[in-house]
């Protein structure tokens, strides 16, 4: 039981322990994001963009820079 307390003392109170905690968290979430991205790509295959598809970052070339809101165009 004393070794567990010593480990947590090192993990949260020493600079090297905190650094290991941060780096370990980054690596953990990187692995989780890669796994979830691969599962998502298996479910939703890449497909040609149809006119019905919308895009959050719409990059159509036919836009003139005008906003749909009339007040923004003044």
PDB file of N, CA and C in Angstrom:
ATOM      1  N   UNK A   1       0.823  -1.191   0.000  1.00  0.00           N
ATOM      2  CA  UNK A   1       0.000   0.000   0.000  1.00  0.00           C
ATOM      3  C   UNK A   1       0.865   1.253   0.000  1.00  0.00           C
ATOM      4  N   UNK A   2       2.013   1.172   0.636  1.00  0.00           N
ATOM      5  CA  UNK A   2       2.913   2.319   0.682  1.00  0.00           C
ATOM      6  C   UNK A   2       3.504   2.654  -0.668  1.00  0.00           C
ATOM      7  N   UNK A   3       3.701   1.627  -1.515  1.00  0.00           N
ATOM      8  CA  UNK A   3       4.255   1.870  -2.839  1.00  0.00           C
ATOM      9  C   UNK A   3       3.265   2.624  -3.725  1.00  0.00           C
ATOM     10  N   UNK A   4       1.991   2.350  -3.553  1.00  0.00           N
ATOM     11  CA  UNK A   4       0.977   3.069  -4.323  1.00  0.00           C
ATOM     12  C   UNK A   4       0.968   4.539  -3.925  1.00  0.00           C
ATOM     13  N   UNK A   5       1.053   4.804  -2.634  1.00  0.00           N
ATOM     14  CA  UNK A   5       1.112   6.185  -2.163  1.00  0.00           C
ATOM     15  C   UNK A   5       2.352   6.903  -2.664  1.00  0.00           C
ATOM     16  N   UNK A   6       3.474   6.205  -2.688  1.00  0.00           N
ATOM     17  CA  UNK A   6       4.715   6.785  -3.200  1.00  0.00           C
ATOM     18  C   UNK A   6       4.589   7.084  -4.688  1.00  0.00           C
ATOM     19  N   UNK A   7       3.947   6.169  -5.431  1.00  0.00           N
ATOM     20  CA  UNK A   7       3.757   6.380  -6.869  1.00  0.00           C
ATOM     21  C   UNK A   7       2.896   7.611  -7.131  1.00  0.00           C
ATOM     22  N   UNK A   8       1.771   7.727  -6.413  1.00  0.00           N
ATOM     23  CA  UNK A   8       0.904   8.884  -6.623  1.00  0.00           C
ATOM     24  C   UNK A   8       1.571  10.176  -6.176  1.00  0.00           C
ATOM     25  N   UNK A   9       2.395  10.112  -5.142  1.00  0.00           N
ATOM     26  CA  UNK A   9       3.153  11.283  -4.715  1.00  0.00           C
ATOM     27  C   UNK A   9       4.111  11.722  -5.821  1.00  0.00           C
ATOM     28  N   UNK A  10       4.784  10.747  -6.431  1.00  0.00           N
ATOM     29  CA  UNK A  10       5.694  11.071  -7.528  1.00  0.00           C
ATOM     30  C   UNK A  10       4.920  11.592  -8.737  1.00  0.00           C
ATOM     31  N   UNK A  11       3.769  10.967  -9.042  1.00  0.00           N
ATOM     32  CA  UNK A  11       3.010  11.308 -10.238  1.00  0.00           C
ATOM     33  C   UNK A  11       2.446  12.719 -10.192  1.00  0.00           C
ATOM     34  N   UNK A  12       1.981  13.148  -9.023  1.00  0.00           N
ATOM     35  CA  UNK A  12       1.311  14.439  -8.934  1.00  0.00           C
ATOM     36  C   UNK A  12       2.156  15.554  -8.304  1.00  0.00           C
ATOM     37  N   UNK A  13       3.252  15.226  -7.635  1.00  0.00           N
ATOM     38  CA  UNK A  13       4.011  16.250  -6.929  1.00  0.00           C
ATOM     39  C   UNK A  13       5.399  16.506  -7.494  1.00  0.00           C
ATOM     40  N   UNK A  14       5.892  15.660  -8.358  1.00  0.00           N
ATOM     41  CA  UNK A  14       7.218  15.840  -8.944  1.00  0.00           C
ATOM     42  C   UNK A  14       7.069  16.303 -10.385  1.00  0.00           C
ATOM     43  N   UNK A  15       7.934  17.184 -10.856  1.00  0.00           N
ATOM     44  CA  UNK A  15       7.834  17.657 -12.245  1.00  0.00           C
ATOM     45  C   UNK A  15       7.912  16.524 -13.275  1.00  0.00           C
ATOM     46  N   UNK A  16       8.755  15.541 -13.050  1.00  0.00           N
ATOM     47  CA  UNK A  16       8.861  14.421 -13.990  1.00  0.00           C
ATOM     48  C   UNK A  16       7.565  13.610 -14.007  1.00  0.00           C
ATOM     49  N   UNK A  17       6.920  13.445 -12.875  1.00  0.00           N
ATOM     50  CA  UNK A  17       5.669  12.710 -12.803  1.00  0.00           C
ATOM     51  C   UNK A  17       4.546  13.435 -13.518  1.00  0.00           C
ATOM     52  N   UNK A  18       4.485  14.740 -13.318  1.00  0.00           N
ATOM     53  CA  UNK A  18       3.453  15.534 -13.993  1.00  0.00           C
ATOM     54  C   UNK A  18       3.679  15.519 -15.497  1.00  0.00           C
ATOM     55  N   UNK A  19       4.939  15.592 -15.921  1.00  0.00           N
ATOM     56  CA  UNK A  19       5.256  15.530 -17.341  1.00  0.00           C
ATOM     57  C   UNK A  19       4.837  14.178 -17.926  1.00  0.00           C
ATOM     58  N   UNK A  20       5.104  13.095 -17.208  1.00  0.00           N
ATOM     59  CA  UNK A  20       4.669  11.768 -17.658  1.00  0.00           C
ATOM     60  C   UNK A  20       3.156  11.685 -17.738  1.00  0.00           C
ATOM     61  N   UNK A  21       2.465  12.306 -16.796  1.00  0.00           N
ATOM     62  CA  UNK A  21       1.007  12.321 -16.804  1.00  0.00           C
ATOM     63  C   UNK A  21       0.479  13.061 -18.032  1.00  0.00           C
ATOM     64  N   UNK A  22       1.060  14.192 -18.355  1.00  0.00           N
ATOM     65  CA  UNK A  22       0.622  14.987 -19.508  1.00  0.00           C
ATOM     66  C   UNK A  22       0.928  14.259 -20.812  1.00  0.00           C
ATOM     67  N   UNK A  23       2.156  13.766 -20.950  1.00  0.00           N
ATOM     68  CA  UNK A  23       2.546  13.056 -22.173  1.00  0.00           C
ATOM     69  C   UNK A  23       1.718  11.778 -22.331  1.00  0.00           C
ATOM     70  N   UNK A  24       1.488  11.073 -21.255  1.00  0.00           N
ATOM     71  CA  UNK A  24       0.660   9.870 -21.309  1.00  0.00           C
ATOM     72  C   UNK A  24      -0.764  10.185 -21.734  1.00  0.00           C
ATOM     73  N   UNK A  25      -1.310  11.293 -21.258  1.00  0.00           N
ATOM     74  CA  UNK A  25      -2.659  11.705 -21.662  1.00  0.00           C
ATOM     75  C   UNK A  25      -2.725  12.055 -23.134  1.00  0.00           C
ATOM     76  N   UNK A  26      -1.710  12.749 -23.621  1.00  0.00           N
ATOM     77  CA  UNK A  26      -1.678  13.104 -25.047  1.00  0.00           C
ATOM     78  C   UNK A  26      -1.602  11.849 -25.903  1.00  0.00           C
ATOM     79  N   UNK A  27      -0.746  10.916 -25.531  1.00  0.00           N
ATOM     80  CA  UNK A  27      -0.611   9.666 -26.294  1.00  0.00           C
ATOM     81  C   UNK A  27      -1.910   8.863 -26.233  1.00  0.00           C
ATOM     82  N   UNK A  28      -2.533   8.792 -25.065  1.00  0.00           N
ATOM     83  CA  UNK A  28      -3.793   8.064 -24.914  1.00  0.00           C
ATOM     84  C   UNK A  28      -4.867   8.627 -25.834  1.00  0.00           C
ATOM     85  N   UNK A  29      -5.054   9.955 -25.824  1.00  0.00           N
ATOM     86  CA  UNK A  29      -6.094  10.552 -26.653  1.00  0.00           C
ATOM     87  C   UNK A  29      -5.740  10.499 -28.133  1.00  0.00           C
ATOM     88  N   UNK A  30      -4.464  10.492 -28.479  1.00  0.00           N
ATOM     89  CA  UNK A  30      -4.057  10.312 -29.866  1.00  0.00           C
ATOM     90  C   UNK A  30      -4.447   8.923 -30.363  1.00  0.00           C
ATOM     91  N   UNK A  31      -4.206   7.909 -29.555  1.00  0.00           N
ATOM     92  CA  UNK A  31      -4.572   6.541 -29.923  1.00  0.00           C
ATOM     93  C   UNK A  31      -6.088   6.409 -30.055  1.00  0.00           C
ATOM     94  N   UNK A  32      -6.832   6.973 -29.108  1.00  0.00           N
ATOM     95  CA  UNK A  32      -8.296   6.913 -29.164  1.00  0.00           C
ATOM     96  C   UNK A  32      -8.810   7.603 -30.427  1.00  0.00           C
ATOM     97  N   UNK A  33      -8.254   8.766 -30.766  1.00  0.00           N
ATOM     98  CA  UNK A  33      -8.728   9.496 -31.948  1.00  0.00           C
ATOM     99  C   UNK A  33      -8.415   8.736 -33.234  1.00  0.00           C
ATOM    100  N   UNK A  34      -7.260   8.089 -33.318  1.00  0.00           N
ATOM    101  CA  UNK A  34      -6.926   7.309 -34.511  1.00  0.00           C
ATOM    102  C   UNK A  34      -7.877   6.124 -34.660  1.00  0.00           C
ATOM    103  N   UNK A  35      -8.141   5.427 -33.574  1.00  0.00           N
ATOM    104  CA  UNK A  35      -9.051   4.275 -33.631  1.00  0.00           C
ATOM    105  C   UNK A  35     -10.451   4.719 -34.040  1.00  0.00           C
ATOM    106  N   UNK A  36     -10.951   5.782 -33.453  1.00  0.00           N
ATOM    107  CA  UNK A  36     -12.293   6.250 -33.799  1.00  0.00           C
ATOM    108  C   UNK A  36     -12.365   6.767 -35.227  1.00  0.00           C
ATOM    109  N   UNK A  37     -11.314   7.417 -35.704  1.00  0.00           N
ATOM    110  CA  UNK A  37     -11.286   7.899 -37.079  1.00  0.00           C
ATOM    111  C   UNK A  37     -11.330   6.735 -38.065  1.00  0.00           C
ATOM    112  N   UNK A  38     -10.596   5.682 -37.780  1.00  0.00           N
ATOM    113  CA  UNK A  38     -10.602   4.510 -38.670  1.00  0.00           C
ATOM    114  C   UNK A  38     -11.978   3.845 -38.680  1.00  0.00           C
ATOM    115  N   UNK A  39     -12.622   3.740 -37.517  1.00  0.00           N
ATOM    116  CA  UNK A  39     -13.963   3.154 -37.475  1.00  0.00           C
ATOM    117  C   UNK A  39     -14.953   4.012 -38.262  1.00  0.00           C
ATOM    118  N   UNK A  40     -14.825   5.321 -38.142  1.00  0.00           N
ATOM    119  CA  UNK A  40     -15.721   6.228 -38.853  1.00  0.00           C
ATOM    120  C   UNK A  40     -15.520   6.112 -40.355  1.00  0.00           C
ATOM    121  N   UNK A  41     -14.279   6.003 -40.806  1.00  0.00           N
ATOM    122  CA  UNK A  41     -14.022   5.878 -42.240  1.00  0.00           C
ATOM    123  C   UNK A  41     -14.532   4.554 -42.787  1.00  0.00           C
ATOM    124  N   UNK A  42     -14.547   3.499 -41.975  1.00  0.00           N
ATOM    125  CA  UNK A  42     -15.118   2.229 -42.424  1.00  0.00           C
ATOM    126  C   UNK A  42     -16.624   2.349 -42.607  1.00  0.00           C
ATOM    127  N   UNK A  43     -17.278   3.057 -41.694  1.00  0.00           N
ATOM    128  CA  UNK A  43     -18.730   3.190 -41.755  1.00  0.00           C
ATOM    129  C   UNK A  43     -19.142   4.123 -42.889  1.00  0.00           C
ATOM    130  N   UNK A  44     -18.504   5.294 -42.972  1.00  0.00           N
ATOM    131  CA  UNK A  44     -18.863   6.318 -43.952  1.00  0.00           C
ATOM    132  C   UNK A  44     -17.764   6.405 -45.002  1.00  0.00           C
ATOM    133  N   UNK A  45     -17.952   5.683 -46.094  1.00  0.00           N
ATOM    134  CA  UNK A  45     -16.969   5.689 -47.176  1.00  0.00           C
ATOM    135  C   UNK A  45     -16.958   7.051 -47.856  1.00  0.00           C
ATOM    136  N   UNK A  46     -15.820   7.402 -48.457  1.00  0.00           N
ATOM    137  CA  UNK A  46     -15.744   8.642 -49.231  1.00  0.00           C
ATOM    138  C   UNK A  46     -16.629   8.512 -50.462  1.00  0.00           C
ATOM    139  N   UNK A  47     -17.362   9.553 -50.762  1.00  0.00           N
ATOM    140  CA  UNK A  47     -18.243   9.540 -51.907  1.00  0.00           C
ATOM    141  C   UNK A  47     -18.177  10.877 -52.614  1.00  0.00           C
ATOM    142  N   UNK A  48     -18.626  10.880 -53.854  1.00  0.00           N
ATOM    143  CA  UNK A  48     -18.648  12.115 -54.626  1.00  0.00           C
ATOM    144  C   UNK A  48     -19.640  13.092 -54.005  1.00  0.00           C
ATOM    145  N   UNK A  49     -19.287  14.357 -54.045  1.00  0.00           N
ATOM    146  CA  UNK A  49     -20.162  15.376 -53.478  1.00  0.00           C
ATOM    147  C   UNK A  49     -21.317  15.644 -54.438  1.00  0.00           C
ATOM    148  N   UNK A  50     -22.518  15.511 -53.912  1.00  0.00           N
ATOM    149  CA  UNK A  50     -23.708  15.772 -54.722  1.00  0.00           C
ATOM    150  C   UNK A  50     -24.230  17.173 -54.407  1.00  0.00           C
ATOM    151  N   UNK A  51     -25.112  17.694 -55.223  1.00  0.00           N
ATOM    152  CA  UNK A  51     -25.659  19.036 -54.958  1.00  0.00           C
ATOM    153  C   UNK A  51     -26.406  19.121 -53.630  1.00  0.00           C
ATOM    154  N   UNK A  52     -26.917  17.993 -53.123  1.00  0.00           N
ATOM    155  CA  UNK A  52     -27.649  18.004 -51.861  1.00  0.00           C
ATOM    156  C   UNK A  52     -26.730  18.035 -50.648  1.00  0.00           C
ATOM    157  N   UNK A  53     -25.453  17.689 -50.836  1.00  0.00           N
ATOM    158  CA  UNK A  53     -24.510  17.691 -49.713  1.00  0.00           C
ATOM    159  C   UNK A  53     -24.194  19.119 -49.297  1.00  0.00           C
ATOM    160  N   UNK A  54     -24.075  19.326 -48.019  1.00  0.00           N
ATOM    161  CA  UNK A  54     -23.673  20.629 -47.512  1.00  0.00           C
ATOM    162  C   UNK A  54     -22.347  20.476 -46.797  1.00  0.00           C
ATOM    163  N   UNK A  55     -21.649  21.577 -46.677  1.00  0.00           N
ATOM    164  CA  UNK A  55     -20.327  21.570 -46.086  1.00  0.00           C
ATOM    165  C   UNK A  55     -20.255  22.699 -45.065  1.00  0.00           C
ATOM    166  N   UNK A  56     -19.723  22.379 -43.902  1.00  0.00           N
ATOM    167  CA  UNK A  56     -19.589  23.404 -42.870  1.00  0.00           C
ATOM    168  C   UNK A  56     -18.671  24.524 -43.339  1.00  0.00           C
ATOM    169  N   UNK A  57     -17.609  24.163 -44.025  1.00  0.00           N
ATOM    170  CA  UNK A  57     -16.670  25.140 -44.566  1.00  0.00           C
ATOM    171  C   UNK A  57     -16.877  25.181 -46.073  1.00  0.00           C
ATOM    172  N   UNK A  58     -17.993  25.747 -46.483  1.00  0.00           N
ATOM    173  CA  UNK A  58     -18.370  25.759 -47.886  1.00  0.00           C
ATOM    174  C   UNK A  58     -17.355  26.560 -48.682  1.00  0.00           C
ATOM    175  N   UNK A  59     -16.685  25.886 -49.614  1.00  0.00           N
ATOM    176  CA  UNK A  59     -15.642  26.552 -50.381  1.00  0.00           C
ATOM    177  C   UNK A  59     -15.989  26.576 -51.866  1.00  0.00           C
ATOM    178  N   UNK A  60     -17.231  26.881 -52.172  1.00  0.00           N
ATOM    179  CA  UNK A  60     -17.642  26.977 -53.569  1.00  0.00           C
ATOM    180  C   UNK A  60     -16.933  28.152 -54.231  1.00  0.00           C
ATOM    181  N   UNK A  61     -16.588  27.970 -55.490  1.00  0.00           N
ATOM    182  CA  UNK A  61     -15.886  29.022 -56.220  1.00  0.00           C
ATOM    183  C   UNK A  61     -16.833  30.097 -56.736  1.00  0.00           C
ATOM    184  N   UNK A  62     -18.123  29.820 -56.747  1.00  0.00           N
ATOM    185  CA  UNK A  62     -19.070  30.766 -57.322  1.00  0.00           C
ATOM    186  C   UNK A  62     -19.504  31.850 -56.329  1.00  0.00           C
ATOM    187  N   UNK A  63     -18.982  31.853 -55.124  1.00  0.00           N
ATOM    188  CA  UNK A  63     -19.367  32.876 -54.151  1.00  0.00           C
ATOM    189  C   UNK A  63     -18.660  34.178 -54.466  1.00  0.00           C
ATOM    190  N   UNK A  64     -19.378  35.263 -54.320  1.00  0.00           N
ATOM    191  CA  UNK A  64     -18.791  36.567 -54.605  1.00  0.00           C
ATOM    192  C   UNK A  64     -18.328  37.282 -53.339  1.00  0.00           C
ATOM    193  N   UNK A  65     -18.462  36.633 -52.197  1.00  0.00           N
ATOM    194  CA  UNK A  65     -18.056  37.263 -50.957  1.00  0.00           C
ATOM    195  C   UNK A  65     -19.186  37.977 -50.252  1.00  0.00           C
ATOM    196  N   UNK A  66     -20.385  37.937 -50.838  1.00  0.00           N
ATOM    197  CA  UNK A  66     -21.521  38.599 -50.240  1.00  0.00           C
ATOM    198  C   UNK A  66     -22.206  37.678 -49.255  1.00  0.00           C
ATOM    199  N   UNK A  67     -22.676  38.251 -48.170  1.00  0.00           N
ATOM    200  CA  UNK A  67     -23.366  37.505 -47.137  1.00  0.00           C
ATOM    201  C   UNK A  67     -24.838  37.352 -47.483  1.00  0.00           C
ATOM    202  N   UNK A  68     -25.466  36.306 -46.961  1.00  0.00           N
ATOM    203  CA  UNK A  68     -26.893  36.102 -47.150  1.00  0.00           C
ATOM    204  C   UNK A  68     -27.709  37.122 -46.367  1.00  0.00           C
ATOM    205  N   UNK A  69     -27.094  37.733 -45.375  1.00  0.00           N
ATOM    206  CA  UNK A  69     -27.770  38.725 -44.552  1.00  0.00           C
ATOM    207  C   UNK A  69     -27.532  40.102 -45.146  1.00  0.00           C
ATOM    208  N   UNK A  70     -28.604  40.818 -45.402  1.00  0.00           N
ATOM    209  CA  UNK A  70     -28.512  42.103 -46.086  1.00  0.00           C
ATOM    210  C   UNK A  70     -27.717  43.135 -45.317  1.00  0.00           C
ATOM    211  N   UNK A  71     -27.793  43.118 -43.981  1.00  0.00           N
ATOM    212  CA  UNK A  71     -27.063  44.095 -43.172  1.00  0.00           C
ATOM    213  C   UNK A  71     -25.549  43.930 -43.282  1.00  0.00           C
ATOM    214  N   UNK A  72     -25.080  42.712 -43.533  1.00  0.00           N
ATOM    215  CA  UNK A  72     -23.634  42.484 -43.642  1.00  0.00           C
ATOM    216  C   UNK A  72     -23.073  43.021 -44.949  1.00  0.00           C
ATOM    217  N   UNK A  73     -23.903  43.216 -45.949  1.00  0.00           N
ATOM    218  CA  UNK A  73     -23.431  43.628 -47.274  1.00  0.00           C
ATOM    219  C   UNK A  73     -23.258  45.134 -47.413  1.00  0.00           C
ATOM    220  N   UNK A  74     -23.687  45.902 -46.429  1.00  0.00           N
ATOM    221  CA  UNK A  74     -23.595  47.364 -46.504  1.00  0.00           C
ATOM    222  C   UNK A  74     -22.220  47.859 -46.178  1.00  0.00           C
TER     223      UNK A  74
END
